[in-house]
Amino acid sequence: MEAAVLDAIASPRRREILRLVWHQEQTAGAIHRAMPDVTFGAVSLQLQLLVKAGLVEARTQQRNRFYLARPAALGPAAEILESMWDDALWKLKLAAELEETRRGPKRTKKRSKKKGL
């Protein structure tokens, strides 16, 4: 497998984008809405890297660009990714990785205020 492909799937965000465009085309806007903790610019940058690595194809229709994964370009790694996406533990791991790589202030849990003690 090429280094560009390995680099592309090493990122949890790029793996999540691949999952989103695995079976059906999505616009960059739809992908961004599915990943609200990152900016549109960050999503666009990740899509460019996936296209450059040959893992996603992009087509333009009017003012929109549509993205679709190219599973064949991943070779045997495609099956591994698909099995990971079906695994509940992988989903928990992904959520933790995405939170860890999130930029900006960390989210804090809201505490309920108790009165009368």
C-alpha atoms as a PDB file:
ATOM      1  CA  MET A   1       0.000   0.000   0.000  1.00  0.00           C
ATOM      2  CA  GLU A   2       1.315   3.454  -0.877  1.00  0.00           C
ATOM      3  CA  ALA A   3       2.500   5.861   1.800  1.00  0.00           C
ATOM      4  CA  ALA A   4      -0.062   8.472   0.701  1.00  0.00           C
ATOM      5  CA  VAL A   5      -2.888   5.988   1.302  1.00  0.00           C
ATOM      6  CA  LEU A   6      -1.550   5.020   4.730  1.00  0.00           C
ATOM      7  CA  ASP A   7      -1.116   8.676   5.667  1.00  0.00           C
ATOM      8  CA  ALA A   8      -4.661   9.411   4.508  1.00  0.00           C
ATOM      9  CA  ILE A   9      -6.305   6.699   6.608  1.00  0.00           C
ATOM     10  CA  ALA A  10      -4.102   7.381   9.648  1.00  0.00           C
ATOM     11  CA  SER A  11      -6.254  10.400  10.544  1.00  0.00           C
ATOM     12  CA  PRO A  12      -9.480   9.659  12.445  1.00  0.00           C
ATOM     13  CA  ARG A  13     -11.142  12.628  10.754  1.00  0.00           C
ATOM     14  CA  ARG A  14     -10.270  11.374   7.274  1.00  0.00           C
ATOM     15  CA  ARG A  15     -11.501   7.878   8.213  1.00  0.00           C
ATOM     16  CA  GLU A  16     -14.781   9.427   9.341  1.00  0.00           C
ATOM     17  CA  ILE A  17     -15.068  11.329   6.057  1.00  0.00           C
ATOM     18  CA  LEU A  18     -14.420   8.095   4.158  1.00  0.00           C
ATOM     19  CA  ARG A  19     -17.201   6.426   6.147  1.00  0.00           C
ATOM     20  CA  LEU A  20     -19.594   9.241   5.274  1.00  0.00           C
ATOM     21  CA  VAL A  21     -18.899   8.991   1.526  1.00  0.00           C
ATOM     22  CA  TRP A  22     -18.400   5.210   1.349  1.00  0.00           C
ATOM     23  CA  HIS A  23     -21.799   4.298  -0.127  1.00  0.00           C
ATOM     24  CA  GLN A  24     -23.228   7.554  -1.415  1.00  0.00           C
ATOM     25  CA  GLU A  25     -22.042  10.886  -2.697  1.00  0.00           C
ATOM     26  CA  GLN A  26     -22.019  13.768  -0.263  1.00  0.00           C
ATOM     27  CA  THR A  27     -21.363  17.455  -0.701  1.00  0.00           C
ATOM     28  CA  ALA A  28     -18.696  19.108   1.411  1.00  0.00           C
ATOM     29  CA  GLY A  29     -21.510  20.936   3.211  1.00  0.00           C
ATOM     30  CA  ALA A  30     -23.251  17.678   4.143  1.00  0.00           C
ATOM     31  CA  ILE A  31     -19.967  16.236   5.395  1.00  0.00           C
ATOM     32  CA  HIS A  32     -19.372  19.373   7.444  1.00  0.00           C
ATOM     33  CA  ARG A  33     -22.844  19.134   8.991  1.00  0.00           C
ATOM     34  CA  ALA A  34     -22.070  15.550  10.027  1.00  0.00           C
ATOM     35  CA  MET A  35     -18.863  16.770  11.721  1.00  0.00           C
ATOM     36  CA  PRO A  36     -19.983  19.936  13.533  1.00  0.00           C
ATOM     37  CA  ASP A  37     -16.894  20.149  15.752  1.00  0.00           C
ATOM     38  CA  VAL A  38     -14.621  21.162  12.849  1.00  0.00           C
ATOM     39  CA  THR A  39     -14.712  24.110  10.493  1.00  0.00           C
ATOM     40  CA  PHE A  40     -15.814  23.879   6.887  1.00  0.00           C
ATOM     41  CA  GLY A  41     -12.264  24.811   5.872  1.00  0.00           C
ATOM     42  CA  ALA A  42     -10.855  21.863   7.825  1.00  0.00           C
ATOM     43  CA  VAL A  43     -13.310  19.485   6.146  1.00  0.00           C
ATOM     44  CA  SER A  44     -12.378  20.916   2.747  1.00  0.00           C
ATOM     45  CA  LEU A  45      -8.672  20.416   3.468  1.00  0.00           C
ATOM     46  CA  GLN A  46      -9.233  16.795   4.525  1.00  0.00           C
ATOM     47  CA  LEU A  47     -11.276  16.161   1.369  1.00  0.00           C
ATOM     48  CA  GLN A  48      -8.462  17.582  -0.777  1.00  0.00           C
ATOM     49  CA  LEU A  49      -5.988  15.192   0.865  1.00  0.00           C
ATOM     50  CA  LEU A  50      -8.289  12.219   0.279  1.00  0.00           C
ATOM     51  CA  VAL A  51      -8.774  13.193  -3.372  1.00  0.00           C
ATOM     52  CA  LYS A  52      -5.010  13.650  -3.833  1.00  0.00           C
ATOM     53  CA  ALA A  53      -4.399  10.195  -2.319  1.00  0.00           C
ATOM     54  CA  GLY A  54      -6.897   8.745  -4.815  1.00  0.00           C
ATOM     55  CA  LEU A  55      -9.261   7.476  -2.104  1.00  0.00           C
ATOM     56  CA  VAL A  56     -12.128   9.824  -2.946  1.00  0.00           C
ATOM     57  CA  GLU A  57     -13.364  11.087  -6.283  1.00  0.00           C
ATOM     58  CA  ALA A  58     -14.872  14.523  -6.683  1.00  0.00           C
ATOM     59  CA  ARG A  59     -17.288  15.684  -9.334  1.00  0.00           C
ATOM     60  CA  THR A  60     -18.696  19.133  -9.881  1.00  0.00           C
ATOM     61  CA  GLN A  61     -22.344  19.777 -10.596  1.00  0.00           C
ATOM     62  CA  GLN A  62     -23.294  23.408 -10.934  1.00  0.00           C
ATOM     63  CA  ARG A  63     -21.949  25.104  -7.785  1.00  0.00           C
ATOM     64  CA  ASN A  64     -21.541  21.922  -5.734  1.00  0.00           C
ATOM     65  CA  ARG A  65     -18.792  19.359  -5.501  1.00  0.00           C
ATOM     66  CA  PHE A  66     -19.831  15.817  -4.712  1.00  0.00           C
ATOM     67  CA  TYR A  67     -17.479  13.342  -3.083  1.00  0.00           C
ATOM     68  CA  LEU A  68     -17.563   9.541  -3.200  1.00  0.00           C
ATOM     69  CA  ALA A  69     -15.101   7.024  -1.776  1.00  0.00           C
ATOM     70  CA  ARG A  70     -13.115   4.730  -4.055  1.00  0.00           C
ATOM     71  CA  PRO A  71     -12.973   1.533  -1.946  1.00  0.00           C
ATOM     72  CA  ALA A  72     -10.975  -0.329  -4.609  1.00  0.00           C
ATOM     73  CA  ALA A  73      -8.137   2.184  -4.162  1.00  0.00           C
ATOM     74  CA  LEU A  74      -7.719   0.966  -0.570  1.00  0.00           C
ATOM     75  CA  GLY A  75      -7.226  -2.655  -1.521  1.00  0.00           C
ATOM     76  CA  PRO A  76      -7.436  -5.005   1.495  1.00  0.00           C
ATOM     77  CA  ALA A  77      -7.697  -2.039   3.887  1.00  0.00           C
ATOM     78  CA  ALA A  78     -11.233  -1.414   2.581  1.00  0.00           C
ATOM     79  CA  GLU A  79     -12.540  -4.549   4.305  1.00  0.00           C
ATOM     80  CA  ILE A  80     -10.775  -3.619   7.524  1.00  0.00           C
ATOM     81  CA  LEU A  81     -12.332  -0.155   7.507  1.00  0.00           C
ATOM     82  CA  GLU A  82     -15.805  -1.534   6.807  1.00  0.00           C
ATOM     83  CA  SER A  83     -15.559  -4.000   9.679  1.00  0.00           C
ATOM     84  CA  MET A  84     -14.317  -1.232  11.996  1.00  0.00           C
ATOM     85  CA  TRP A  85     -17.283   0.988  11.138  1.00  0.00           C
ATOM     86  CA  ASP A  86     -19.708  -1.758  12.189  1.00  0.00           C
ATOM     87  CA  ASP A  87     -17.994  -2.233  15.564  1.00  0.00           C
ATOM     88  CA  ALA A  88     -19.436  -0.409  18.597  1.00  0.00           C
ATOM     89  CA  LEU A  89     -16.028  -0.228  20.289  1.00  0.00           C
ATOM     90  CA  TRP A  90     -14.590   1.415  17.193  1.00  0.00           C
ATOM     91  CA  LYS A  91     -17.323   4.062  17.377  1.00  0.00           C
ATOM     92  CA  LEU A  92     -16.364   4.817  20.975  1.00  0.00           C
ATOM     93  CA  LYS A  93     -12.668   4.936  20.025  1.00  0.00           C
ATOM     94  CA  LEU A  94     -13.440   7.293  17.139  1.00  0.00           C
ATOM     95  CA  ALA A  95     -15.393   9.643  19.407  1.00  0.00           C
ATOM     96  CA  ALA A  96     -12.450   9.754  21.828  1.00  0.00           C
ATOM     97  CA  GLU A  97      -9.922  10.334  19.018  1.00  0.00           C
ATOM     98  CA  LEU A  98     -12.020  13.090  17.488  1.00  0.00           C
ATOM     99  CA  GLU A  99     -12.340  14.823  20.848  1.00  0.00           C
ATOM    100  CA  GLU A 100      -8.597  14.498  21.445  1.00  0.00           C
ATOM    101  CA  THR A 101      -7.730  16.027  18.061  1.00  0.00           C
ATOM    102  CA  ARG A 102     -10.333  18.775  18.393  1.00  0.00           C
ATOM    103  CA  ARG A 103      -8.820  22.229  18.315  1.00  0.00           C
ATOM    104  CA  GLY A 104      -9.890  25.124  20.449  1.00  0.00           C
ATOM    105  CA  PRO A 105     -11.191  25.090  24.000  1.00  0.00           C
ATOM    106  CA  LYS A 106     -12.116  21.716  25.410  1.00  0.00           C
ATOM    107  CA  ARG A 107     -15.758  21.067  26.079  1.00  0.00           C
ATOM    108  CA  THR A 108     -16.794  21.102  29.686  1.00  0.00           C
ATOM    109  CA  LYS A 109     -19.618  19.203  31.276  1.00  0.00           C
ATOM    110  CA  LYS A 110     -22.446  21.336  32.535  1.00  0.00           C
ATOM    111  CA  ARG A 111     -23.011  20.966  36.223  1.00  0.00           C
ATOM    112  CA  SER A 112     -26.448  21.212  37.657  1.00  0.00           C
ATOM    113  CA  LYS A 113     -26.817  23.752  40.421  1.00  0.00           C
ATOM    114  CA  LYS A 114     -28.297  22.412  43.610  1.00  0.00           C
ATOM    115  CA  LYS A 115     -30.103  24.796  45.858  1.00  0.00           C
ATOM    116  CA  GLY A 116     -30.735  24.736  49.532  1.00  0.00           C
ATOM    117  CA  LEU A 117     -27.877  22.853  51.197  1.00  0.00           C
END
